[in-house]
Protein backbone atom coordinates (compact mmCIF):
# COMPACT_ATOMS: atom_id res chain seq x y z
CA UNK A 1 -10.77 -4.96 22.47
CA UNK A 2 -7.55 -3.64 21.43
CA UNK A 3 -6.10 -3.59 24.77
CA UNK A 4 -7.05 -7.34 25.76
CA UNK A 5 -5.19 -8.36 22.80
CA UNK A 6 -1.52 -6.90 23.07
CA UNK A 7 -0.57 -9.82 25.04
CA UNK A 8 0.78 -12.56 22.81
CA UNK A 9 -0.38 -16.04 23.41
CA UNK A 10 2.47 -18.71 23.85
CA UNK A 11 3.77 -20.80 20.54
CA UNK A 12 2.84 -24.36 20.84
CA UNK A 13 5.57 -26.43 21.09
CA UNK A 14 7.33 -27.39 17.68
CA UNK A 15 6.02 -24.41 15.57
CA UNK A 16 9.13 -22.25 15.71
CA UNK A 17 9.88 -20.96 12.20
CA UNK A 18 13.09 -20.93 10.81
CA UNK A 19 14.15 -18.23 8.84
CA UNK A 20 15.94 -18.93 5.34
CA UNK A 21 17.40 -17.20 3.35
CA UNK A 22 15.03 -18.12 0.18
CA UNK A 23 12.03 -16.72 2.08
CA UNK A 24 13.77 -13.84 2.31
CA UNK A 25 14.33 -13.68 -2.07
CA UNK A 26 10.86 -14.74 -2.28
CA UNK A 27 9.36 -11.90 -0.31
CA UNK A 28 11.55 -9.21 -1.80
CA UNK A 29 10.66 -10.21 -5.38
CA UNK A 30 7.20 -10.34 -4.89
CA UNK A 31 7.96 -6.84 -3.16
CA UNK A 32 8.02 -5.44 -6.65
CA UNK A 33 4.52 -5.56 -7.11
CA UNK A 34 4.91 -2.42 -4.41
CA UNK A 35 7.74 -1.03 -6.34
CA UNK A 36 5.29 -0.56 -9.57
CA UNK A 37 2.57 0.62 -6.68
CA UNK A 38 5.03 3.36 -5.88
CA UNK A 39 6.48 4.54 -8.87
CA UNK A 40 3.46 5.06 -10.85
CA UNK A 41 1.98 6.76 -7.68
CA UNK A 42 4.76 9.23 -7.59
CA UNK A 43 5.36 9.39 -11.64
CA UNK A 44 2.35 11.29 -12.54
CA UNK A 45 3.10 13.93 -9.95
CA UNK A 46 5.67 15.43 -12.43
CA UNK A 47 4.73 14.20 -15.31
CA UNK A 48 1.15 15.67 -14.63
CA UNK A 49 2.81 19.42 -15.09
CA UNK A 50 3.77 18.49 -18.47
CA UNK A 51 0.80 16.79 -19.53
CA UNK A 52 -1.42 19.47 -18.67
CA UNK A 53 0.71 22.30 -20.91
CA UNK A 54 0.50 19.47 -23.92
CA UNK A 55 -2.95 18.63 -23.70
CA UNK A 56 -4.04 22.27 -22.21
CA UNK A 57 -6.06 20.65 -18.86
CA UNK A 58 -7.57 22.81 -16.65
CA UNK A 59 -8.22 21.61 -12.71
CA UNK A 60 -10.71 19.35 -13.34
CA UNK A 61 -9.07 17.49 -16.01
CA UNK A 62 -5.76 17.37 -14.51
CA UNK A 63 -7.52 15.50 -11.54
CA UNK A 64 -9.30 13.14 -14.05
CA UNK A 65 -6.06 12.42 -15.63
CA UNK A 66 -4.41 11.44 -11.92
CA UNK A 67 -7.33 10.01 -10.82
CA UNK A 68 -7.77 7.36 -13.93
CA UNK A 69 -5.48 4.88 -12.95
CA UNK A 70 -7.50 4.42 -9.88
CA UNK A 71 -10.82 3.61 -11.63
CA UNK A 72 -8.44 0.48 -12.90
CA UNK A 73 -7.24 -0.32 -9.12
CA UNK A 74 -10.63 -0.20 -8.20
CA UNK A 75 -11.65 -2.65 -10.55
CA UNK A 76 -8.18 -4.86 -10.34
CA UNK A 77 -8.58 -5.28 -6.53
CA UNK A 78 -11.49 -6.76 -7.11
CA UNK A 79 -10.42 -9.21 -9.33
CA UNK A 80 -7.84 -9.57 -7.58
CA UNK A 81 -10.21 -10.72 -4.76
CA UNK A 82 -12.58 -13.23 -7.48
CA UNK A 83 -9.37 -14.78 -8.99
CA UNK A 84 -7.01 -15.22 -5.95
CA UNK A 85 -8.07 -17.83 -4.56
CA UNK A 86 -8.79 -19.62 -7.77
CA UNK A 87 -5.42 -19.07 -9.44
CA UNK A 88 -3.43 -18.59 -6.55
CA UNK A 89 -1.50 -15.84 -5.53
CA UNK A 90 1.58 -16.31 -7.78
CA UNK A 91 -0.07 -16.51 -10.92
CA UNK A 92 -2.48 -13.34 -9.61
CA UNK A 93 1.11 -11.51 -9.64
CA UNK A 94 2.62 -12.57 -12.57
CA UNK A 95 -1.06 -11.16 -14.40
CA UNK A 96 -0.34 -7.88 -12.76
CA UNK A 97 2.86 -7.30 -14.01
CA UNK A 98 2.09 -8.27 -17.41
CA UNK A 99 -1.19 -5.83 -17.45
CA UNK A 100 1.26 -2.91 -15.51
CA UNK A 101 3.68 -3.39 -18.38
CA UNK A 102 1.28 -3.18 -21.25
CA UNK A 103 -0.39 -0.33 -19.89
CA UNK A 104 3.04 1.51 -19.45
CA UNK A 105 3.57 0.93 -23.18
CA UNK A 106 -0.11 2.16 -23.91
CA UNK A 107 0.46 5.59 -21.99
CA UNK A 108 3.98 6.05 -23.30
CA UNK A 109 3.15 5.94 -26.73
CA UNK A 110 0.09 7.54 -26.72
CA UNK A 111 -1.32 9.61 -29.54
CA UNK A 112 -4.14 11.42 -28.02
CA UNK A 113 -5.63 12.03 -24.21
CA UNK A 114 -8.26 9.41 -24.57
CA UNK A 115 -5.57 6.62 -24.94
CA UNK A 116 -3.26 8.37 -22.39
CA UNK A 117 -6.77 7.62 -19.92
CA UNK A 118 -6.94 3.89 -21.16
CA UNK A 119 -3.76 2.94 -20.71
CA UNK A 120 -3.40 4.63 -17.24
CA UNK A 121 -6.91 2.61 -16.34
CA UNK A 122 -5.34 -0.38 -17.52
CA UNK A 123 -2.53 -0.10 -15.61
CA UNK A 124 -4.29 0.61 -12.62
CA UNK A 125 -5.85 -2.65 -13.11
CA UNK A 126 -2.13 -4.09 -12.30
CA UNK A 127 -1.91 -2.01 -9.42
CA UNK A 128 -4.91 -2.82 -7.93
CA UNK A 129 -4.15 -6.86 -8.21
CA UNK A 130 -0.14 -6.21 -6.59
CA UNK A 131 -1.31 -3.75 -4.34
CA UNK A 132 -3.05 -6.46 -1.70
CA UNK A 133 -2.01 -10.08 -3.21
CA UNK A 134 1.68 -9.10 -2.93
CA UNK A 135 1.43 -8.47 0.81
CA UNK A 136 -0.69 -11.09 1.21
CA UNK A 137 1.53 -13.82 -0.77
CA UNK A 138 4.47 -12.54 1.59
CA UNK A 139 2.54 -12.73 4.81
CA UNK A 140 2.07 -16.53 3.62
CA UNK A 141 5.20 -17.37 2.87
CA UNK A 142 6.93 -15.83 5.86
CA UNK A 143 7.70 -17.08 9.68
CA UNK A 144 5.68 -15.55 12.15
CA UNK A 145 9.26 -14.29 13.78
CA UNK A 146 9.43 -11.40 11.23
CA UNK A 147 6.50 -11.54 9.16
CA UNK A 148 6.16 -7.99 9.80
CA UNK A 149 9.73 -6.96 8.62
CA UNK A 150 9.10 -9.06 5.68
CA UNK A 151 5.63 -7.72 4.28
CA UNK A 152 7.26 -3.97 5.21
CA UNK A 153 9.92 -4.77 2.24
CA UNK A 154 6.18 -4.40 -0.37
CA UNK A 155 6.09 -0.91 1.53
CA UNK A 156 9.83 -0.33 1.44
CA UNK A 157 9.36 -1.42 -2.48
CA UNK A 158 6.70 1.32 -2.96
CA UNK A 159 8.70 4.10 -1.28
CA UNK A 160 11.89 3.03 -3.19
CA UNK A 161 9.68 3.18 -6.23
CA UNK A 162 8.06 6.87 -5.36
CA UNK A 163 11.24 7.97 -4.65
CA UNK A 164 12.50 6.54 -8.34
CA UNK A 165 9.69 7.96 -10.24
CA UNK A 166 10.93 11.43 -8.94
CA UNK A 167 14.22 10.80 -9.84
CA UNK A 168 13.06 10.00 -13.08
CA UNK A 169 10.79 13.20 -13.47
CA UNK A 170 13.78 15.05 -12.67
CA UNK A 171 15.91 13.77 -15.29
CA UNK A 172 13.62 14.06 -18.18
CA UNK A 173 12.02 17.77 -17.09
CA UNK A 174 13.91 18.93 -20.24
CA UNK A 175 13.46 16.52 -22.18
CA UNK A 176 11.10 17.00 -25.29
CA UNK A 177 7.94 15.22 -24.28
CA UNK A 178 9.71 13.76 -21.34
CA UNK A 179 6.42 12.40 -19.69
CA UNK A 180 6.28 9.81 -22.43
CA UNK A 181 9.80 8.42 -21.16
CA UNK A 182 8.32 8.94 -17.28
CA UNK A 183 5.84 6.51 -17.66
CA UNK A 184 6.91 4.09 -20.25
CA UNK A 185 9.62 3.22 -17.91
CA UNK A 186 7.53 1.22 -15.57
CA UNK A 187 7.76 -1.19 -18.16
CA UNK A 188 10.89 -2.33 -16.35
CA UNK A 189 9.70 -3.33 -13.10
CA UNK A 190 6.83 -4.64 -14.34
CA UNK A 191 8.94 -7.34 -16.68
CA UNK A 192 11.13 -7.90 -13.72
CA UNK A 193 8.03 -8.87 -11.36
CA UNK A 194 6.64 -10.85 -14.18
CA UNK A 195 9.61 -13.11 -14.98
CA UNK A 196 10.72 -13.08 -11.05
CA UNK A 197 7.33 -14.64 -9.72
CA UNK A 198 7.52 -17.04 -12.51
CA UNK A 199 10.12 -18.74 -10.64
CA UNK A 200 8.95 -18.57 -7.25
CA UNK A 201 6.91 -21.32 -5.27
CA UNK A 202 3.06 -20.87 -4.50
CA UNK A 203 1.91 -19.63 -1.15
CA UNK A 204 2.15 -23.07 1.08
CA UNK A 205 -1.05 -21.82 2.62
CA UNK A 206 -2.89 -21.49 -0.72
CA UNK A 207 -1.70 -24.82 -1.62
CA UNK A 208 -3.22 -26.42 1.32
CA UNK A 209 -6.47 -24.43 0.39
CA UNK A 210 -6.30 -26.41 -2.43
CA UNK A 211 -5.69 -29.68 -1.41
CA UNK A 212 -2.35 -29.96 -2.36
CA UNK A 213 -0.74 -30.93 0.73
CA UNK A 214 2.48 -32.51 -0.72
CA UNK A 215 3.15 -29.57 -2.64
CA UNK A 216 2.82 -27.58 0.50
CA UNK A 217 5.03 -29.60 2.07
CA UNK A 218 7.59 -29.21 -0.14
CA UNK A 219 7.36 -25.57 -0.73
CA UNK A 220 7.63 -24.97 3.25
CA UNK A 221 10.77 -27.51 3.11
CA UNK A 222 12.09 -24.43 0.49
CA UNK A 223 11.11 -21.64 2.23
CA UNK A 224 11.89 -22.99 6.16
CA UNK A 225 15.11 -24.35 5.08
CA UNK A 226 14.24 -27.26 7.34
CA UNK A 227 12.54 -30.55 7.14
CA UNK A 228 10.90 -30.08 10.21
CA UNK A 229 7.72 -28.39 9.25
CA UNK A 230 4.77 -30.93 10.06
CA UNK A 231 3.82 -29.00 12.95
CA UNK A 232 3.29 -25.69 10.90
CA UNK A 233 1.52 -28.13 8.15
CA UNK A 234 -0.88 -29.32 10.81
CA UNK A 235 -1.86 -26.24 12.28
CA UNK A 236 -2.81 -24.77 8.87
CA UNK A 237 -4.95 -27.88 7.80
CA UNK A 238 -6.29 -27.73 11.75
CA UNK A 239 -7.37 -24.08 10.99
CA UNK A 240 -8.27 -24.55 7.28
CA UNK A 241 -10.63 -27.39 8.45
CA UNK A 242 -12.55 -24.96 11.26
CA UNK A 243 -13.11 -22.77 8.65
CA UNK A 244 -14.38 -24.95 5.64
CA UNK A 245 -15.38 -23.29 2.46
CA UNK A 246 -16.23 -19.37 1.96
CA UNK A 247 -18.27 -17.71 0.18
CA UNK A 248 -18.54 -13.46 -0.25
CA UNK A 249 -21.88 -13.76 2.18
CA UNK A 250 -19.85 -14.97 4.77
CA UNK A 251 -18.07 -11.63 5.31
CA UNK A 252 -20.80 -10.82 7.18
CA UNK A 253 -20.82 -13.53 9.79
CA UNK A 254 -20.26 -12.17 13.41
CA UNK A 255 -16.77 -13.68 13.71
CA UNK A 256 -15.78 -11.40 10.57
CA UNK A 257 -17.63 -7.97 11.25
CA UNK A 258 -14.66 -6.95 13.34
CA UNK A 259 -11.96 -7.78 11.17
CA UNK A 260 -13.99 -6.40 8.15
CA UNK A 261 -14.27 -3.01 9.96
CA UNK A 262 -10.77 -2.72 10.92
CA UNK A 263 -9.78 -3.48 7.70
CA UNK A 264 -12.36 -1.29 5.69
CA UNK A 265 -11.88 1.27 8.36
CA UNK A 266 -8.10 1.41 8.16
CA UNK A 267 -8.50 1.35 4.11
CA UNK A 268 -10.45 4.76 4.16
CA UNK A 269 -8.22 6.56 6.69
CA UNK A 270 -4.99 5.62 5.18
CA UNK A 271 -6.41 8.07 2.33
CA UNK A 272 -8.61 10.39 3.54
CA UNK A 273 -5.79 11.58 5.99
CA UNK A 274 -4.39 13.00 2.74
CA UNK A 275 -1.31 11.31 1.96
CA UNK A 276 -1.94 10.79 -1.78
CA UNK A 277 -2.67 14.31 -2.68
CA UNK A 278 1.19 15.38 -1.08
CA UNK A 279 2.16 12.08 -3.50
CA UNK A 280 0.38 13.02 -6.41
CA UNK A 281 0.52 17.18 -5.91
CA UNK A 282 3.86 17.47 -4.38
CA UNK A 283 5.29 19.39 -6.73
CA UNK A 284 1.97 21.32 -7.16
CA UNK A 285 1.87 21.75 -3.49
CA UNK A 286 5.52 22.95 -3.99
CA UNK A 287 3.95 25.37 -6.50
CA UNK A 288 1.74 26.91 -4.26
CA UNK A 289 4.50 27.92 -1.65
CA UNK A 290 6.48 30.12 -4.08
CA UNK A 291 8.76 27.32 -5.92
CA UNK A 292 7.55 28.52 -9.52
CA UNK A 293 9.55 26.06 -11.95
CA UNK A 294 8.36 22.32 -11.95
CA UNK A 295 12.26 21.45 -12.09
CA UNK A 296 12.75 23.05 -8.45
CA UNK A 297 9.52 21.55 -7.51
CA UNK A 298 10.42 18.37 -8.62
CA UNK A 299 13.71 18.46 -6.92
CA UNK A 300 12.00 19.38 -3.67
CA UNK A 301 10.00 16.68 -3.96
CA UNK A 302 12.55 13.93 -4.31
CA UNK A 303 13.72 15.21 -0.78
CA UNK A 304 9.98 14.41 0.41
CA UNK A 305 10.93 10.85 -1.44
CA UNK A 306 13.94 10.19 0.16
CA UNK A 307 12.36 10.65 3.72
CA UNK A 308 9.75 8.02 2.73
CA UNK A 309 12.29 5.52 2.32
CA UNK A 310 14.27 6.48 5.30
CA UNK A 311 11.68 5.95 7.50
CA UNK A 312 9.81 3.26 6.07
CA UNK A 313 13.53 1.36 7.04
CA UNK A 314 13.01 2.76 10.39
CA UNK A 315 8.94 0.85 10.66
CA UNK A 316 10.18 -2.20 9.56
CA UNK A 317 13.08 -2.05 12.37
CA UNK A 318 10.42 -1.40 14.60
CA UNK A 319 7.03 -3.31 13.89
CA UNK A 320 8.31 -6.89 15.01
CA UNK A 321 9.88 -5.30 18.27
CA UNK A 322 7.32 -2.15 19.56
CA UNK A 323 4.21 -4.01 17.57
CA UNK A 324 1.66 -2.40 15.30
CA UNK A 325 -0.65 -0.55 17.35
CA UNK A 326 2.39 1.43 19.08
CA UNK A 327 3.60 2.12 15.29
CA UNK A 328 0.17 3.29 13.96
CA UNK A 329 -0.92 5.21 16.88
CA UNK A 330 2.76 7.35 16.62
CA UNK A 331 2.47 7.54 13.27
CA UNK A 332 -1.09 8.92 13.35
CA UNK A 333 -0.17 12.14 16.07
CA UNK A 334 2.80 12.61 13.72
CA UNK A 335 1.02 13.07 10.65
CA UNK A 336 -2.19 15.30 12.55
CA UNK A 337 0.57 17.50 13.96
CA UNK A 338 1.77 17.77 10.43
CA UNK A 339 -1.30 18.89 8.73
CA UNK A 340 -2.16 21.38 11.27
CA UNK A 341 1.48 22.86 10.94
CA UNK A 342 0.96 22.92 7.45
CA UNK A 343 -2.34 24.71 7.20
CA UNK A 344 -1.07 27.10 9.68
CA UNK A 345 2.10 27.87 7.66
CA UNK A 346 -0.53 28.67 4.22
CA UNK A 347 -2.52 30.72 6.70
CA UNK A 348 0.02 33.42 7.82
CA UNK A 349 1.05 35.81 5.56
CA UNK A 350 4.38 36.76 7.68
CA UNK A 351 5.47 32.96 6.44
CA UNK A 352 5.42 34.02 2.61
CA UNK A 353 8.95 34.76 2.08
CA UNK A 354 10.15 31.24 3.67
CA UNK A 355 6.75 29.18 2.89
CA UNK A 356 8.75 27.34 0.47
CA UNK A 357 11.17 25.99 3.30
CA UNK A 358 8.71 25.30 5.72
CA UNK A 359 6.45 23.18 3.49
CA UNK A 360 9.29 21.26 2.21
CA UNK A 361 9.97 20.75 6.25
CA UNK A 362 6.81 20.04 7.15
CA UNK A 363 5.98 17.58 4.20
CA UNK A 364 8.52 15.68 5.28
CA UNK A 365 7.72 15.43 8.91
CA UNK A 366 4.29 14.43 7.62
CA UNK A 367 5.61 11.70 5.09
CA UNK A 368 7.98 10.47 7.72
CA UNK A 369 5.21 9.85 10.09
CA UNK A 370 3.18 8.15 7.67
CA UNK A 371 6.05 5.99 6.76
CA UNK A 372 6.91 3.91 10.22
CA UNK A 373 2.80 3.51 10.43
CA UNK A 374 -0.12 3.51 8.74
CA UNK A 375 1.32 3.09 5.10
CA UNK A 376 2.74 -0.09 5.49
CA UNK A 377 1.04 -1.29 8.87
CA UNK A 378 -2.22 -1.10 7.16
CA UNK A 379 -0.93 -3.45 4.53
CA UNK A 380 0.41 -5.87 7.20
CA UNK A 381 -2.59 -5.94 9.26
CA UNK A 382 -5.38 -6.72 6.15
CA UNK A 383 -2.69 -9.67 5.41
CA UNK A 384 -2.98 -10.90 8.48
CA UNK A 385 -6.12 -10.53 10.49
CA UNK A 386 -8.22 -12.70 7.97
CA UNK A 387 -9.23 -16.43 8.09
CA UNK A 388 -7.18 -18.17 5.39
CA UNK A 389 -10.27 -19.62 3.39
CA UNK A 390 -11.81 -15.80 2.94
CA UNK A 391 -8.20 -13.89 3.06
CA UNK A 392 -8.51 -13.22 -0.68
CA UNK A 393 -12.05 -12.12 -0.46
CA UNK A 394 -11.97 -9.65 2.81
CA UNK A 395 -8.61 -8.42 1.48
CA UNK A 396 -10.37 -7.45 -2.22
CA UNK A 397 -13.32 -5.74 -0.18
CA UNK A 398 -10.48 -3.74 2.13
CA UNK A 399 -8.11 -2.84 -0.95
CA UNK A 400 -11.35 -1.65 -3.01
CA UNK A 401 -12.46 0.65 -0.21
CA UNK A 402 -8.86 1.91 -0.30
CA UNK A 403 -8.96 2.52 -3.72
CA UNK A 404 -11.96 4.20 -3.65
CA UNK A 405 -11.01 6.16 -1.13
CA UNK A 406 -7.96 7.30 -2.63
CA UNK A 407 -9.86 7.91 -6.01
CA UNK A 408 -12.27 10.26 -4.32
CA UNK A 409 -9.62 12.67 -2.20
CA UNK A 410 -7.46 12.11 -5.65
CA UNK A 411 -10.42 13.68 -7.76
CA UNK A 412 -11.39 16.17 -4.98
CA UNK A 413 -7.90 17.85 -3.67
CA UNK A 414 -7.74 20.83 -6.18
CA UNK A 415 -11.63 21.27 -5.77
CA UNK A 416 -11.36 21.26 -2.01
CA UNK A 417 -8.42 23.51 -2.14
CA UNK A 418 -10.69 26.31 -4.36
CA UNK A 419 -13.15 25.89 -2.20
CA UNK A 420 -11.78 25.86 1.47
CA UNK A 421 -8.33 27.60 0.32
CA UNK A 422 -5.34 25.66 1.41
CA UNK A 423 -5.40 26.14 4.95
CA UNK A 424 -8.59 24.78 4.93
CA UNK A 425 -8.07 21.88 2.70
CA UNK A 426 -5.21 21.05 5.08
CA UNK A 427 -7.23 21.45 8.54
CA UNK A 428 -9.80 19.14 7.08
CA UNK A 429 -7.49 16.11 6.76
CA UNK A 430 -6.02 17.20 9.91
CA UNK A 431 -9.11 16.34 11.54
CA UNK A 432 -10.11 13.13 9.79
CA UNK A 433 -6.78 12.27 11.04
CA UNK A 434 -7.54 12.91 14.93
CA UNK A 435 -10.61 10.55 13.84
CA UNK A 436 -8.15 7.71 12.73
CA UNK A 437 -6.32 8.06 15.85
CA UNK A 438 -9.57 7.36 18.13
CA UNK A 439 -10.50 4.55 15.56
CA UNK A 440 -6.79 2.94 16.05
CA UNK A 441 -7.33 3.38 19.61
CA UNK A 442 -10.10 1.35 20.61
CA UNK A 443 -10.70 -1.25 17.61
CA UNK A 444 -6.88 -2.14 16.04
CA UNK A 445 -5.52 -5.00 17.93
CA UNK A 446 -1.96 -5.98 18.12
CA UNK A 447 -0.68 -9.41 15.91
CA UNK A 448 2.68 -8.99 17.03
CA UNK A 449 4.35 -12.97 17.77
CA UNK A 450 1.73 -14.90 16.85
CA UNK A 451 0.97 -17.26 13.44
CA UNK A 452 -1.60 -16.29 11.28
CA UNK A 453 -3.80 -18.90 12.71
CA UNK A 454 -3.02 -17.78 16.27
CA UNK A 455 -4.33 -14.11 15.65
CA UNK A 456 -7.91 -15.57 13.93
CA UNK A 457 -8.46 -17.57 16.91
CA UNK A 458 -8.00 -14.19 18.90
CA UNK A 459 -10.03 -12.37 17.28
CA UNK A 460 -13.20 -14.85 17.12
CA UNK A 461 -13.25 -14.32 21.17
CA UNK A 462 -13.58 -10.64 20.55
CA UNK A 463 -15.72 -10.43 17.53
CA UNK A 464 -18.51 -7.48 17.85
CA UNK A 465 -22.16 -8.86 18.96
C-alpha cells in the first residue's frame, strides 16, 4: 500500500492554494502549544534532580513525579477528542493554555509533594489537549504546498520549548528551591498561547462542518490572501457530504482501519523507541556516564537540546520536498544505530574514562535522528490521514495511545535499567526501533503534495479488508 500511494495525484484545476503571511502567523501562534508541550517535557529533567533531594524520593517516587503529568495528558487527549468537534479547535487551544497556566502556578507554589503531583496532572491535561489540537488546527488552515512545513512549526516550537527548559534549569541550578521557578515560568508561554489564539480565526474546515459556510469563506479569504477560494470550499463541502456525521464507532469501519492502525502504531513507536527516556532523564543518563554534578549534567543536556532544534529545522525543509516516508525511515534507522551504540558504550569497560563524552555525542546523534522524522512526522501524519468528520476523535485516540505509551516508558525506565542494566535497557529500545522500521515500510503512506480531501480518497482505495 505504501509503495503505491507515494505518487502524487494531479491537483484539480482551481485548487491552487495561495501562501499568505497571515497563515504563517496563525500557525506560529498555534504552535505555542508545542512550546508548552516541550517546555514541560524538558523542564522536569533538571527539576527532578532537586525535587528528589527536597522530598527524599527513591527511584520509584521519581518515576511517579515525572510520570504524573502523563496521567493528565492522557485525560486531556481524551477530552480534546470529545470537545474538539463541539467547541472548535481554536477554543480548545485557548482552554489548553489556561489549564496549563493554572497547573504551572500550582506546581511552583506547592507546599508539599501531593499538591506538586496534582499540579503536574493539571499541567498534563493542558498538554494533552494542545499536543494534537494545535497540529490539527495548523493542518486545517495550511495550504497543501507547505502544510508539512507549517505543521513542523509545532514540533520546532516543541524543541525550542525543550531547549528553553534546559537553559532555565541551568540558570536556576544554584538558586534555593530553584525548581519552583523552573516549573512556574511555564506561565509565560501559557498566557501567550491563550491570549494569542483569542485573536485568531476558527478553522475553516471546522466551520464548514458546523454549517457556518459564510464564516468559513471569510476565514479562507483571510488566510489564503485571495478572494478565489471557491474551489477549495467546494472540495471541503464535497468531502464532508460524502463522509456524513460521525460516531466513535465509525473508527472501526473498514475504510478507517488502516489510518487508525497507522496512527496508533506510530503513536506507540514514537514512545517505546525511548525518546522521552532521553528527554525526561537526560541529566540522569549523563550522571550514569560519570558527570557527577547536577550543573554539569544539565549543561551537557543543553547541547542535546540545541541539536534537537537544529535538526527539526532540517526536517522542516525536507518534509514537503522529500516527503514523509523517506524522513521517517531515515529517522528510525538513525535512532536504531544510536541506541545500539549507546548500549555498547555502557557495555565496554575500556570506554569508562571517556564515557561521558561518548554518551553526549551518541545522544546528539539519536536526538538528531528523531528530530528530522519520527518526532514531527507522527503529528503531521495523524493530522492528515483522517476524514474531517472524525478527525478530532481519531487524532484523540492516537494521542491517547501516544501519551499512554509515554506514561509506561517514563514509569519503567529506571526500573528497566535496574532489571536489565544500562546496556540491556538501550538494546531493548534499539530492537523496538527496528520493529518500527518494518511497520513504517509496510504501512505508512506518502501524503506529500495532496490536499487533505485527496488523502482521504487515496486511503479509501487502500483500506485493510
